[in-house]
Protein backbone atom coordinates (compact mmCIF):
# COMPACT_ATOMS: atom_id res chain seq x y z
CA MET A 1 -0.06 0.04 -0.14
CA ALA A 2 1.28 3.62 -0.78
CA TYR A 3 -0.03 5.02 2.14
CA SER A 4 -0.58 4.01 5.81
CA ARG A 5 -1.26 7.48 7.84
CA VAL A 6 -4.06 9.61 6.79
CA PHE A 7 -1.80 12.49 5.94
CA ASP A 8 0.10 10.39 3.42
CA LEU A 9 -2.64 10.41 1.15
CA ILE A 10 -2.11 13.91 -0.06
CA TYR A 11 1.63 13.09 -0.75
CA HIS A 12 0.43 9.99 -2.54
CA GLN A 13 -1.59 12.30 -4.57
CA GLN A 14 1.19 14.51 -5.48
CA GLU A 15 3.30 11.42 -6.52
CA THR A 16 0.80 9.52 -8.80
CA ARG A 17 -1.53 12.19 -10.02
CA PRO A 18 -1.00 16.08 -8.93
CA LYS A 19 -3.89 17.94 -9.45
CA LYS A 20 -4.37 21.76 -10.33
CA ASP A 21 -7.57 21.78 -8.51
CA SER A 22 -7.17 19.20 -5.41
CA LEU A 23 -9.41 21.35 -3.60
CA ALA A 24 -11.76 24.43 -4.32
CA CYS A 25 -14.36 26.63 -3.00
CA LYS A 26 -16.03 29.81 -3.67
CA VAL A 27 -14.57 33.15 -2.72
CA GLY A 28 -16.22 36.26 -3.68
CA GLY A 29 -18.61 34.46 -6.28
CA GLN A 30 -15.46 32.85 -8.11
CA TRP A 31 -14.31 29.37 -7.61
CA LYS A 32 -10.70 29.31 -5.88
CA THR A 33 -8.64 26.13 -6.55
CA TYR A 34 -5.76 24.94 -4.71
CA SER A 35 -3.26 22.58 -6.09
CA THR A 36 -1.83 19.41 -4.62
CA GLU A 37 1.31 21.27 -4.10
CA GLU A 38 -0.42 24.21 -2.31
CA VAL A 39 -2.60 21.98 -0.07
CA ILE A 40 0.69 20.33 1.09
CA ARG A 41 2.45 23.79 1.42
CA MET A 42 -0.79 25.31 3.53
CA ALA A 43 -0.70 21.92 5.70
CA GLY A 44 3.05 22.58 6.43
CA GLN A 45 2.30 26.02 7.63
CA VAL A 46 -0.23 25.06 9.91
CA SER A 47 2.16 22.27 11.42
CA LYS A 48 4.53 25.25 11.80
CA ALA A 49 2.00 27.45 13.60
CA LEU A 50 1.07 24.40 16.00
CA LEU A 51 4.59 23.69 16.96
CA ASN A 52 4.92 27.45 17.57
CA LEU A 53 2.14 27.38 20.00
CA GLY A 54 3.82 24.58 21.89
CA LEU A 55 1.60 21.73 20.91
CA GLU A 56 3.08 18.22 21.40
CA ALA A 57 2.14 14.76 19.94
CA GLY A 58 -1.11 13.77 21.60
CA ASP A 59 -2.46 16.90 22.35
CA ARG A 60 -5.95 17.67 21.08
CA VAL A 61 -7.29 20.45 19.14
CA ALA A 62 -10.92 21.19 18.16
CA LEU A 63 -12.02 22.10 14.69
CA ILE A 64 -15.42 23.57 14.12
CA ALA A 65 -16.13 24.79 10.66
CA ASN A 66 -18.01 24.77 7.49
CA ASN A 67 -16.54 22.47 4.53
CA ARG A 68 -13.61 24.59 3.08
CA PRO A 69 -9.95 23.97 2.15
CA GLU A 70 -8.80 25.38 5.50
CA TRP A 71 -10.44 22.35 6.80
CA ASN A 72 -8.05 20.13 4.92
CA PHE A 73 -4.95 22.30 5.97
CA LEU A 74 -5.69 22.17 9.59
CA ASP A 75 -6.51 18.48 9.42
CA ILE A 76 -3.44 17.46 7.68
CA GLY A 77 -1.46 20.05 9.70
CA MET A 78 -2.25 18.60 12.97
CA MET A 79 -2.18 14.75 12.10
CA GLN A 80 1.40 14.93 10.43
CA ILE A 81 2.72 16.31 13.70
CA GLY A 82 0.87 13.99 15.78
CA VAL A 83 -1.82 16.44 17.14
CA ILE A 84 -5.18 14.80 17.62
CA ASN A 85 -8.07 16.63 15.66
CA VAL A 86 -11.47 16.61 17.37
CA PRO A 87 -13.73 17.64 14.88
CA VAL A 88 -16.96 19.09 16.29
CA TYR A 89 -20.57 20.19 14.63
CA PRO A 90 -21.27 23.72 14.71
CA THR A 91 -24.86 23.02 15.52
CA ILE A 92 -24.54 21.65 19.13
CA SER A 93 -25.27 23.33 22.10
CA ALA A 94 -23.16 25.36 24.62
CA ARG A 95 -23.60 22.55 27.30
CA GLU A 96 -22.37 19.87 24.45
CA TYR A 97 -19.38 21.87 23.68
CA SER A 98 -18.37 21.96 27.34
CA TYR A 99 -18.88 18.23 27.81
CA ILE A 100 -16.65 17.55 24.65
CA PHE A 101 -13.93 20.22 25.27
CA GLN A 102 -13.77 18.81 28.86
CA ASP A 103 -13.92 15.15 28.27
CA ALA A 104 -11.25 15.65 25.28
CA GLY A 105 -8.92 18.23 27.12
CA VAL A 106 -8.81 20.58 24.18
CA LYS A 107 -5.90 23.14 24.13
CA TYR A 108 -7.07 24.97 21.13
CA ALA A 109 -10.04 25.31 18.99
CA PHE A 110 -10.35 26.80 15.37
CA ILE A 111 -13.62 28.16 14.47
CA TYR A 112 -15.51 29.77 11.28
CA GLY A 113 -17.59 32.84 11.64
CA GLN A 114 -20.06 32.79 9.23
CA ASP A 115 -22.85 32.15 11.56
CA HIS A 116 -22.09 35.12 13.62
CA VAL A 117 -24.86 37.14 12.26
CA GLU A 118 -26.77 39.92 13.66
CA GLY A 119 -30.39 38.77 14.51
CA ARG A 120 -29.85 35.01 13.97
CA ALA A 121 -32.11 32.81 16.19
CA HIS A 122 -29.43 30.96 18.04
CA PRO A 123 -26.17 31.84 19.48
CA SER A 124 -22.96 31.54 17.02
CA VAL A 125 -20.49 29.09 17.57
CA TYR A 126 -18.12 32.06 18.98
CA GLU A 127 -20.95 32.86 21.50
CA ARG A 128 -21.39 29.22 22.54
CA ILE A 129 -17.81 28.71 23.09
CA HIS A 130 -17.30 31.86 24.86
CA GLU A 131 -19.98 30.95 27.30
CA ILE A 132 -18.29 27.78 28.33
CA ARG A 133 -14.42 29.13 28.24
CA ALA A 134 -14.50 29.23 32.20
CA GLU A 135 -15.71 25.49 32.53
CA VAL A 136 -12.87 24.16 30.38
CA PRO A 137 -9.52 25.04 32.02
CA SER A 138 -7.39 23.07 29.41
CA LEU A 139 -8.59 25.56 26.56
CA GLN A 140 -5.78 28.16 25.98
CA ASP A 141 -7.32 29.78 23.08
CA VAL A 142 -9.42 30.33 20.28
CA PHE A 143 -8.57 30.98 16.65
CA ALA A 144 -11.04 32.17 13.92
CA LEU A 145 -11.12 31.02 10.08
CA ASP A 146 -12.89 34.35 9.45
CA PRO A 147 -12.64 37.58 10.91
CA LEU A 148 -14.30 37.57 14.32
CA PRO A 149 -13.70 40.71 16.94
CA GLY A 150 -11.34 39.93 19.58
CA LEU A 151 -9.79 36.54 18.05
CA THR A 152 -6.70 36.16 15.93
CA GLN A 153 -7.50 34.68 12.62
CA LEU A 154 -5.75 31.30 11.39
CA SER A 155 -4.10 33.44 8.44
CA ASP A 156 -2.24 35.49 11.01
CA LEU A 157 -0.72 32.36 12.37
CA LEU A 158 0.61 30.96 9.08
CA GLN A 159 4.14 31.86 7.65
CA PRO A 160 6.22 30.34 5.12
CA VAL A 161 8.20 27.26 6.35
CA GLU A 162 11.89 27.35 5.92
CA GLU A 163 14.04 24.48 5.14
CA HIS A 164 15.23 23.60 8.52
CA GLU A 165 11.67 23.81 9.71
CA LYS A 166 10.43 21.34 6.86
CA ARG A 167 12.93 18.66 8.15
CA MET A 168 11.56 19.17 11.50
CA ILE A 169 8.23 18.49 10.49
CA PHE A 170 9.08 15.51 8.47
CA ASP A 171 10.90 14.10 11.78
CA ARG A 172 7.57 14.52 13.48
CA MET A 173 5.72 12.73 10.61
CA ASP A 174 8.49 9.81 10.66
CA ALA A 175 7.50 9.43 14.31
CA VAL A 176 3.66 8.91 13.60
CA ARG A 177 2.83 5.13 13.48
CA ASP A 178 -0.23 3.77 11.76
CA THR A 179 -1.56 2.42 14.92
CA ASP A 180 -1.42 5.80 16.59
CA LEU A 181 -4.47 7.77 17.34
CA ALA A 182 -5.54 9.98 14.61
CA THR A 183 -8.86 11.86 15.62
CA ILE A 184 -11.30 11.83 18.24
CA ILE A 185 -14.84 11.93 16.88
CA TYR A 186 -17.86 12.24 19.06
CA THR A 187 -21.01 10.49 18.37
CA SER A 188 -24.06 12.38 17.85
CA GLY A 189 -25.67 11.13 20.92
CA THR A 190 -29.29 10.36 20.41
CA THR A 191 -29.32 9.65 24.00
CA GLY A 192 -27.16 10.92 26.77
CA ASN A 193 -23.59 12.35 26.66
CA PRO A 194 -21.57 11.81 23.33
CA LYS A 195 -19.07 9.36 23.31
CA GLY A 196 -15.45 10.08 21.96
CA VAL A 197 -14.83 7.61 19.41
CA MET A 198 -11.06 6.71 19.00
CA LEU A 199 -9.80 6.26 15.51
CA SER A 200 -6.11 5.31 14.48
CA HIS A 201 -4.52 5.99 11.29
CA HIS A 202 -4.67 2.51 10.23
CA ASN A 203 -8.57 2.32 11.01
CA LEU A 204 -9.23 5.27 8.71
CA VAL A 205 -6.82 4.25 6.10
CA SER A 206 -7.99 1.00 5.82
CA ASN A 207 -11.48 2.12 5.11
CA VAL A 208 -10.22 4.52 2.44
CA GLU A 209 -8.55 1.63 0.83
CA ALA A 210 -11.40 -0.72 0.82
CA VAL A 211 -13.71 2.00 -0.65
CA SER A 212 -11.58 2.87 -3.15
CA LYS A 213 -11.75 -0.70 -4.60
CA VAL A 214 -15.54 -0.38 -5.21
CA ILE A 215 -16.18 2.99 -6.58
CA PRO A 216 -15.71 3.79 -10.40
CA ILE A 217 -12.89 6.14 -10.13
CA SER A 218 -11.33 7.83 -13.20
CA LEU A 219 -8.66 10.48 -13.80
CA GLY A 220 -10.03 14.00 -14.00
CA ASP A 221 -13.15 13.29 -11.65
CA ARG A 222 -14.53 15.94 -9.60
CA ALA A 223 -16.76 15.80 -6.46
CA LEU A 224 -19.17 18.19 -4.65
CA SER A 225 -18.80 17.96 -0.97
CA PHE A 226 -21.40 19.60 1.44
CA LEU A 227 -21.98 16.93 4.26
CA PRO A 228 -20.45 18.13 7.23
CA LEU A 229 -16.50 17.08 7.46
CA CYS A 230 -16.79 16.53 10.85
CA HIS A 231 -18.93 13.68 10.41
CA SER A 232 -17.21 10.35 9.84
CA PHE A 233 -18.61 9.73 6.34
CA GLU A 234 -17.95 12.89 4.62
CA ARG A 235 -14.48 12.75 5.83
CA THR A 236 -13.93 8.98 4.82
CA VAL A 237 -15.29 9.88 1.31
CA SER A 238 -13.07 13.30 1.13
CA ASN A 239 -9.97 11.02 2.19
CA VAL A 240 -10.89 8.41 -0.70
CA TYR A 241 -11.06 11.53 -3.07
CA LEU A 242 -7.60 12.57 -1.97
CA ALA A 243 -6.20 9.14 -2.44
CA ASN A 244 -7.44 8.74 -5.99
CA GLY A 245 -6.87 12.12 -7.19
CA ILE A 246 -10.69 13.22 -7.68
CA SER A 247 -10.78 16.97 -7.09
CA ILE A 248 -13.12 18.17 -4.31
CA TYR A 249 -15.27 21.19 -4.63
CA TYR A 250 -16.82 22.59 -1.43
CA ALA A 251 -20.46 23.76 -1.87
CA GLU A 252 -21.25 27.33 -0.43
CA SER A 253 -24.29 25.88 1.64
CA VAL A 254 -27.13 23.48 1.19
CA GLU A 255 -29.04 26.29 -0.30
CA THR A 256 -26.84 26.84 -3.11
CA LEU A 257 -26.43 23.15 -3.75
CA GLY A 258 -28.18 23.23 -7.05
CA ASP A 259 -26.26 25.94 -8.41
CA ASN A 260 -22.96 24.74 -7.55
CA LEU A 261 -23.85 21.29 -8.80
CA ARG A 262 -24.57 22.99 -12.34
CA GLU A 263 -21.37 24.99 -11.85
CA VAL A 264 -19.00 22.02 -11.13
CA HIS A 265 -20.54 19.05 -13.08
CA PRO A 266 -19.28 16.48 -10.49
CA GLN A 267 -19.31 12.92 -11.00
CA PHE A 268 -19.90 12.20 -7.43
CA PHE A 269 -21.39 13.45 -4.26
CA SER A 270 -22.21 11.91 -1.01
CA THR A 271 -25.57 12.82 0.83
CA VAL A 272 -28.07 11.64 3.57
CA PRO A 273 -31.35 10.53 2.52
CA ARG A 274 -33.19 13.67 4.01
CA LEU A 275 -30.98 15.85 1.57
CA LEU A 276 -31.95 13.49 -1.35
CA GLU A 277 -35.55 13.91 -0.05
CA LYS A 278 -35.47 17.51 -0.33
CA VAL A 279 -34.09 17.22 -3.86
CA TYR A 280 -36.94 15.03 -4.73
CA GLU A 281 -39.50 17.36 -3.07
CA LYS A 282 -38.22 20.54 -5.22
CA ILE A 283 -38.48 18.43 -8.28
CA MET A 284 -41.94 17.29 -7.57
CA ALA A 285 -43.00 20.84 -6.57
CA ALA A 286 -41.53 22.08 -9.97
CA GLY A 287 -43.76 19.37 -11.74
CA MET A 288 -46.82 20.49 -9.74
CA GLN A 289 -46.36 23.80 -11.20
CA LEU A 290 -46.78 22.48 -14.81
CA THR A 291 -50.28 22.62 -16.49
CA GLY A 292 -51.95 20.47 -19.36
CA ALA A 293 -49.85 18.12 -21.15
CA LYS A 294 -46.63 19.16 -19.55
CA ARG A 295 -47.97 18.24 -16.21
CA LYS A 296 -49.61 14.78 -17.62
CA LEU A 297 -46.16 13.89 -19.14
CA PHE A 298 -44.27 14.83 -15.98
CA PHE A 299 -46.13 12.70 -13.69
CA TRP A 300 -46.50 9.94 -16.51
CA ALA A 301 -42.68 9.60 -16.36
CA VAL A 302 -42.69 9.53 -12.51
CA GLU A 303 -45.17 6.59 -12.73
CA VAL A 304 -42.84 4.77 -15.06
CA GLY A 305 -39.94 5.53 -13.21
CA SER A 306 -41.60 4.04 -10.22
CA ARG A 307 -42.22 0.58 -11.85
CA TYR A 308 -38.50 0.19 -12.44
CA GLU A 309 -36.98 -2.96 -11.02
CA LEU A 310 -33.16 -3.26 -10.90
CA HIS A 311 -33.02 -7.17 -11.82
CA ARG A 312 -35.99 -7.62 -13.82
CA ASP A 313 -36.54 -7.49 -17.64
CA GLN A 314 -40.05 -5.68 -18.12
CA GLY A 315 -40.06 -6.30 -21.82
CA LEU A 316 -39.95 -3.91 -24.86
CA VAL A 317 -43.04 -1.98 -24.10
CA TYR A 318 -41.33 -0.91 -20.68
CA LYS A 319 -38.05 -0.21 -22.07
CA LEU A 320 -39.52 2.08 -24.64
CA GLN A 321 -41.46 4.02 -22.16
CA LEU A 322 -38.49 4.52 -19.92
CA ALA A 323 -36.27 5.57 -22.74
CA VAL A 324 -38.97 8.17 -23.86
CA ALA A 325 -39.32 9.24 -20.01
CA ARG A 326 -35.57 9.59 -19.47
CA LYS A 327 -35.18 11.63 -22.96
CA LEU A 328 -37.97 14.02 -22.12
CA ILE A 329 -38.25 14.34 -18.17
CA PHE A 330 -35.43 12.50 -16.54
CA SER A 331 -32.85 14.25 -18.54
CA LYS A 332 -33.86 17.57 -16.90
CA TRP A 333 -33.32 15.73 -13.31
CA GLN A 334 -29.78 14.82 -14.63
CA ALA A 335 -29.03 18.06 -15.72
CA ALA A 336 -30.17 19.71 -12.29
CA LEU A 337 -27.52 17.34 -10.85
CA GLY A 338 -24.49 18.86 -13.30
CA GLY A 339 -25.38 16.41 -15.88
CA GLU A 340 -22.21 14.07 -15.29
CA ILE A 341 -23.15 12.01 -12.27
CA LYS A 342 -21.66 8.61 -11.96
CA ALA A 343 -23.05 7.87 -8.62
CA VAL A 344 -24.62 9.34 -5.55
CA VAL A 345 -23.72 7.64 -2.37
CA THR A 346 -26.02 7.87 0.57
CA GLY A 347 -25.71 6.91 4.01
CA ALA A 348 -26.12 7.85 7.81
CA ALA A 349 -30.04 6.77 7.76
CA ALA A 350 -32.08 4.63 5.75
CA ILE A 351 -33.23 5.83 2.28
CA GLN A 352 -36.82 5.18 1.16
CA PRO A 353 -36.56 2.43 -1.43
CA ARG A 354 -39.15 4.20 -3.63
CA LEU A 355 -36.78 7.04 -3.85
CA ALA A 356 -33.95 5.30 -4.69
CA THR A 357 -36.01 3.16 -7.24
CA LEU A 358 -36.95 6.39 -9.02
CA PHE A 359 -33.67 8.03 -9.18
CA THR A 360 -31.89 5.01 -10.62
CA ALA A 361 -34.87 4.83 -13.20
CA ALA A 362 -34.04 8.45 -13.88
CA GLY A 363 -30.36 7.35 -14.84
CA ILE A 364 -29.14 8.48 -11.54
CA ASP A 365 -27.37 5.84 -9.59
CA VAL A 366 -28.07 5.87 -5.91
CA LEU A 367 -25.91 3.66 -3.85
CA GLU A 368 -26.79 3.13 -0.23
CA GLY A 369 -24.13 2.14 2.38
CA TYR A 370 -23.79 1.28 6.03
CA GLY A 371 -21.59 1.97 8.65
CA LEU A 372 -20.95 3.95 12.38
CA THR A 373 -18.42 6.28 13.50
CA GLU A 374 -16.99 3.40 15.38
CA THR A 375 -16.26 1.36 12.20
CA SER A 376 -14.45 4.27 10.24
CA PRO A 377 -17.27 4.27 9.28
CA VAL A 378 -18.13 2.22 6.30
CA ILE A 379 -19.14 -1.83 6.64
CA THR A 380 -21.02 -2.38 3.66
CA CYS A 381 -22.37 -0.56 0.54
CA ASN A 382 -23.85 -1.33 -2.85
CA ARG A 383 -21.94 -1.19 -5.72
CA MET A 384 -22.11 0.03 -9.46
CA GLU A 385 -22.41 -3.63 -10.88
CA LEU A 386 -26.06 -4.74 -11.05
CA GLU A 387 -25.17 -8.15 -9.81
CA ASN A 388 -23.87 -6.41 -6.50
CA ARG A 389 -26.46 -3.95 -6.16
CA GLN A 390 -30.02 -4.19 -4.36
CA ILE A 391 -32.38 -1.37 -3.55
CA GLY A 392 -33.76 -1.28 -0.40
CA THR A 393 -30.44 -3.05 1.16
CA VAL A 394 -27.24 -1.37 2.40
CA GLY A 395 -25.32 -3.86 0.19
CA ILE A 396 -22.40 -6.14 0.80
CA PRO A 397 -19.50 -6.01 3.08
CA LEU A 398 -16.32 -3.93 1.98
CA PRO A 399 -13.18 -5.98 1.27
CA GLY A 400 -11.44 -6.77 4.41
CA VAL A 401 -14.66 -6.46 6.70
CA GLU A 402 -16.28 -9.50 8.06
CA VAL A 403 -20.10 -8.87 8.98
CA ARG A 404 -22.48 -11.57 10.79
CA LEU A 405 -25.82 -11.58 12.64
CA ASP A 406 -25.98 -12.50 16.11
CA PRO A 407 -28.07 -15.92 16.00
CA GLN A 408 -30.13 -15.10 18.88
CA THR A 409 -31.22 -11.33 18.21
CA ASN A 410 -30.09 -10.65 14.66
CA GLU A 411 -27.93 -7.92 15.84
CA ILE A 412 -25.27 -7.06 13.13
CA LEU A 413 -21.76 -7.72 14.27
CA ALA A 414 -18.56 -6.50 12.25
CA ARG A 415 -14.89 -7.13 12.58
CA GLY A 416 -11.85 -5.93 10.63
CA PRO A 417 -9.16 -3.13 10.46
CA ASN A 418 -11.64 -0.31 10.60
CA ILE A 419 -13.25 -1.09 14.10
CA MET A 420 -12.24 1.81 16.45
CA MET A 421 -9.73 1.74 19.05
CA GLY A 422 -12.52 2.52 21.80
CA TYR A 423 -14.07 5.10 23.21
CA TYR A 424 -12.20 7.84 24.94
CA HIS A 425 -11.80 7.47 28.66
CA LEU A 426 -14.75 4.81 28.53
CA PRO A 427 -12.93 1.36 28.89
CA GLN A 428 -16.29 -0.19 30.16
CA ALA A 429 -18.47 1.38 27.46
CA THR A 430 -15.59 -0.11 25.11
CA ALA A 431 -15.80 -3.47 26.37
CA GLU A 432 -19.72 -3.23 26.29
CA VAL A 433 -19.57 -3.16 22.12
CA ILE A 434 -16.10 -5.17 21.25
CA ASP A 435 -16.30 -8.58 22.43
CA ALA A 436 -13.13 -10.65 23.05
CA GLU A 437 -12.98 -11.99 19.59
CA GLY A 438 -13.08 -8.60 18.30
CA TRP A 439 -16.64 -8.40 16.70
CA PHE A 440 -18.02 -4.86 17.11
CA HIS A 441 -21.84 -5.02 18.16
CA THR A 442 -23.50 -2.42 16.23
CA GLY A 443 -26.93 -2.15 18.14
CA ASP A 444 -28.56 -2.55 14.61
CA GLN A 445 -30.65 -5.42 13.74
CA GLY A 446 -30.38 -6.77 10.06
CA GLU A 447 -31.13 -9.79 7.98
CA TRP A 448 -29.52 -11.23 4.67
CA VAL A 449 -31.48 -10.67 1.28
CA ASP A 450 -30.39 -13.35 -1.20
CA GLY A 451 -27.83 -14.50 0.98
CA LYS A 452 -25.53 -11.69 0.17
CA PHE A 453 -26.96 -8.31 0.83
CA LEU A 454 -27.41 -6.71 4.22
CA LYS A 455 -30.62 -5.02 5.09
CA ILE A 456 -31.25 -3.24 8.21
CA THR A 457 -34.48 -3.79 10.12
CA ASP A 458 -34.26 -1.59 13.12
CA ARG A 459 -32.12 -0.01 15.79
CA ILE A 460 -32.32 -2.40 18.83
CA LYS A 461 -32.22 0.36 21.44
CA GLU A 462 -35.15 2.05 19.63
CA LEU A 463 -37.61 -0.95 19.70
CA PHE A 464 -40.32 -0.08 22.11
CA LYS A 465 -42.74 -2.41 23.89
CA THR A 466 -46.61 -1.53 24.08
CA SER A 467 -48.62 -1.86 27.25
CA GLY A 468 -49.65 -5.23 25.90
CA GLY A 469 -46.14 -6.55 25.95
CA LYS A 470 -45.69 -6.53 22.02
CA TYR A 471 -42.38 -5.18 20.43
CA VAL A 472 -42.48 -2.74 17.66
CA ALA A 473 -39.67 -1.44 15.66
CA PRO A 474 -40.34 2.27 15.04
CA GLN A 475 -37.70 2.80 12.11
CA ALA A 476 -39.38 0.18 9.89
CA LEU A 477 -42.67 2.04 10.48
CA GLU A 478 -41.28 5.26 9.76
CA ASN A 479 -39.66 4.41 6.67
CA LYS A 480 -42.68 2.80 5.02
CA PHE A 481 -44.90 5.87 5.88
CA LYS A 482 -42.54 8.28 4.43
CA GLU A 483 -43.18 6.77 1.32
CA SER A 484 -46.55 8.83 1.38
CA TYR A 485 -46.35 11.94 -0.95
CA LEU A 486 -48.10 13.60 2.10
CA ILE A 487 -45.42 12.89 4.76
CA GLU A 488 -42.03 14.56 5.16
CA GLN A 489 -41.32 13.30 8.79
CA ILE A 490 -42.74 11.13 11.15
CA ALA A 491 -42.11 9.75 14.71
CA ALA A 492 -43.92 6.53 15.94
CA ILE A 493 -44.87 6.74 19.62
CA GLY A 494 -46.01 3.76 21.83
CA ASN A 495 -43.51 2.61 24.27
CA ASP A 496 -45.80 1.29 27.48
CA ARG A 497 -48.90 2.49 25.64
CA ARG A 498 -51.66 0.65 24.82
CA PHE A 499 -51.50 1.31 20.89
CA VAL A 500 -48.99 2.84 18.50
CA SER A 501 -49.57 6.65 17.58
CA ALA A 502 -47.58 9.20 15.53
CA LEU A 503 -46.45 12.89 15.29
CA ILE A 504 -46.28 13.83 11.53
CA VAL A 505 -44.75 16.92 9.94
CA PRO A 506 -46.74 16.91 6.43
CA SER A 507 -44.82 17.77 2.86
CA PHE A 508 -46.21 21.22 2.85
CA VAL A 509 -45.36 21.28 -0.84
CA ALA A 510 -47.39 18.20 -1.84
CA LEU A 511 -50.28 19.21 0.61
CA GLU A 512 -50.61 22.72 -0.46
CA ASP A 513 -51.01 21.61 -4.27
CA TRP A 514 -53.53 19.11 -3.17
CA ALA A 515 -55.20 21.59 -1.12
CA LYS A 516 -55.41 23.77 -4.25
CA GLN A 517 -56.94 21.17 -6.31
CA GLN A 518 -59.69 20.39 -3.76
CA GLY A 519 -60.47 23.91 -3.46
CA ILE A 520 -59.46 24.22 0.04
CA LYS A 521 -58.59 27.81 1.37
CA ALA A 522 -56.61 28.32 4.43
CA GLY A 523 -55.16 31.27 5.98
CA SER A 524 -52.16 29.71 7.81
CA ARG A 525 -50.81 26.00 8.21
CA GLU A 526 -52.74 25.71 11.45
CA GLU A 527 -55.91 26.33 9.65
CA LEU A 528 -55.21 24.10 6.82
CA LEU A 529 -53.99 20.82 9.05
CA ALA A 530 -57.50 21.45 11.17
CA HIS A 531 -59.44 21.27 7.88
CA PRO A 532 -61.63 18.06 7.78
CA GLN A 533 -60.67 17.29 4.27
CA VAL A 534 -57.08 17.40 4.94
CA LEU A 535 -57.42 15.09 8.09
CA ALA A 536 -59.60 12.77 6.14
CA GLU A 537 -56.99 12.51 3.24
CA PHE A 538 -54.04 11.81 6.06
CA GLN A 539 -56.34 9.11 7.43
CA ARG A 540 -56.58 7.57 4.11
CA GLU A 541 -52.73 7.49 4.02
CA ILE A 542 -52.38 6.22 7.14
CA ASP A 543 -54.88 3.20 6.64
CA ARG A 544 -52.99 2.45 3.03
CA TYR A 545 -49.91 1.92 4.68
CA ASN A 546 -51.28 0.47 7.85
CA GLU A 547 -52.04 -2.53 5.57
CA HIS A 548 -48.25 -3.35 5.48
CA PHE A 549 -48.04 -4.08 9.37
CA ALA A 550 -49.37 -6.42 11.90
CA LYS A 551 -52.70 -5.18 14.02
CA VAL A 552 -50.60 -4.26 17.04
CA GLU A 553 -47.75 -2.15 14.83
CA GLN A 554 -50.34 -0.08 13.06
CA ILE A 555 -50.92 3.64 13.74
CA LYS A 556 -54.10 4.27 15.33
CA LYS A 557 -53.97 7.81 15.96
CA PHE A 558 -51.92 10.98 14.73
CA THR A 559 -51.12 14.50 15.03
CA LEU A 560 -50.21 16.81 12.29
CA LEU A 561 -47.06 19.50 13.28
CA THR A 562 -46.95 22.73 11.66
CA ARG A 563 -43.04 22.82 11.90
CA GLU A 564 -40.31 20.72 10.28
CA TRP A 565 -37.80 19.21 12.60
CA SER A 566 -34.00 20.11 12.33
CA PRO A 567 -30.67 19.83 13.92
CA GLU A 568 -31.01 23.66 14.97
CA SER A 569 -34.30 23.12 16.42
CA GLY A 570 -33.03 20.15 18.46
CA GLU A 571 -35.46 17.35 17.50
CA LEU A 572 -32.82 15.71 14.91
CA THR A 573 -29.06 14.82 15.29
CA PRO A 574 -26.54 16.60 13.06
CA THR A 575 -27.10 13.54 10.74
CA MET A 576 -30.64 14.02 10.73
CA LYS A 577 -31.70 11.18 13.25
CA PRO A 578 -34.80 11.50 15.34
CA LYS A 579 -33.89 12.55 18.89
CA ARG A 580 -36.57 10.52 20.22
CA ARG A 581 -36.27 11.53 23.93
CA ILE A 582 -36.31 15.26 22.90
CA ILE A 583 -39.49 14.56 20.60
CA ASN A 584 -41.31 12.89 23.56
CA ASP A 585 -40.67 15.60 25.91
CA ARG A 586 -41.32 18.56 23.44
CA TYR A 587 -44.58 17.20 22.19
CA GLN A 588 -45.68 15.40 25.49
CA ASN A 589 -49.04 17.10 25.66
CA LEU A 590 -49.70 16.21 22.19
CA ILE A 591 -48.87 12.70 22.59
CA GLU A 592 -51.02 12.33 25.91
CA GLY A 593 -53.68 13.94 23.99
CA MET A 594 -53.68 11.03 21.77
CA TYR A 595 -54.10 8.71 24.49
CA THR A 596 -56.57 10.69 26.62
């Protein structure tokens, strides 16, 4: 293998396929690119600055920033002198910052300043860290990536590296072993405090090597990156790009994603299902604005696409229909994603099979994978080859990774070089998830499809038991009900209750279009959701999807909510998973109302 430590990847790129645009971002409305050589030079300047601050191998530094080249400069610059990068989400609370900083013993923090805007609903990163400074005695200073009053900027720390300083940095690099700790990533914590996942260079690099074997890479490919780099999924995907000479273009924001896709024309991007759902909703909203023959053609194409089956020849008539749909309608979907997409890789949560089917029918291959922060993170993924792809599953194990199901519980167990070193400061918690034979217990239930493809059936800790003693898997319920065109988000309720109920956030784009067609007028969302015809239509959707479940699992009552859940409002983790405890607490009165 040509690389054994994470920071080796950029040097490997320099030796094998140096890029003029290794990294790129928007500055002043124009794309600014950094060559492989420039990335190495900037990372060297970061290393020098950190050494000047007195940092030693093993010290921890927090990085809280949006996706941008400086993220890579800092990441590489830290790791090549043995400093531990502790990447943290910008969206977490001051209390969570305090816990993570204290637990990791963070000495310095580098933060960005874009969210330090007057009138913002929640405090900025700077304000939250300032609030907890006194609680973190290890924290010596905070530096800014953007101009922030009272803080030294990263650019002020960076200076050219002299030859003797280069030799000193190379000496530090030589001292780093692949078994050394590279990063501590704190889990998003759907329950309780987050845990610090310790990942070695070997953990991360083994995953990069395995993923590189299963994605269709070509020289000159570009990727658009917009998932947070502090999440292990996007970080590993970006390392795969670096290792294989794929140019990384950082999107300005999720809001500008459509524009950035059309500007960059990427061959790859990775996403979470929620963002892909939003892309779909925008496409459908545009279709709903059409009239007459154009509207009929649009929805005919969607119907044709929804009948697509990956492994079944549906005959000449269907092939002709699909070809027409792709030429007249789906070609516009492809163009909206830049027109050159080879694959969209999705992870972190389950994608609706209906959505994956429709995008694949449209000529946009959606490859779902599976893993956890503790597994560096990828365990399984679908491949481009049809024989190694199955919609509705998370694919087959990566090369070098073993996967089996516990014979009693069907819990998914994984073993391989990608399994974490352990939880920081939590040896007992580590022993609870990694057994004596090295199997990591994921906490997810699964099953094999066709003896080859892994399918996630539910999260073991999220199973709840009704007061009648019957177990219900909420994730399976929620994923099925989200196939409804009217349901955007849903949380199943029922622990120790006599029946299952649900909180539902409607898809307001679809609902408002439906209401318009029915001649329903409403002055507000509250008024719309209280309308008898709207409630009756939702009940029909609930009844339709209830047919897929046993009587004890069926949703008997529901409540419609006017506001979407998000990480910022607290109901979702940064990876868009529901925080069930928060949802139950926040909507306690509404939930009790369904059982009164």
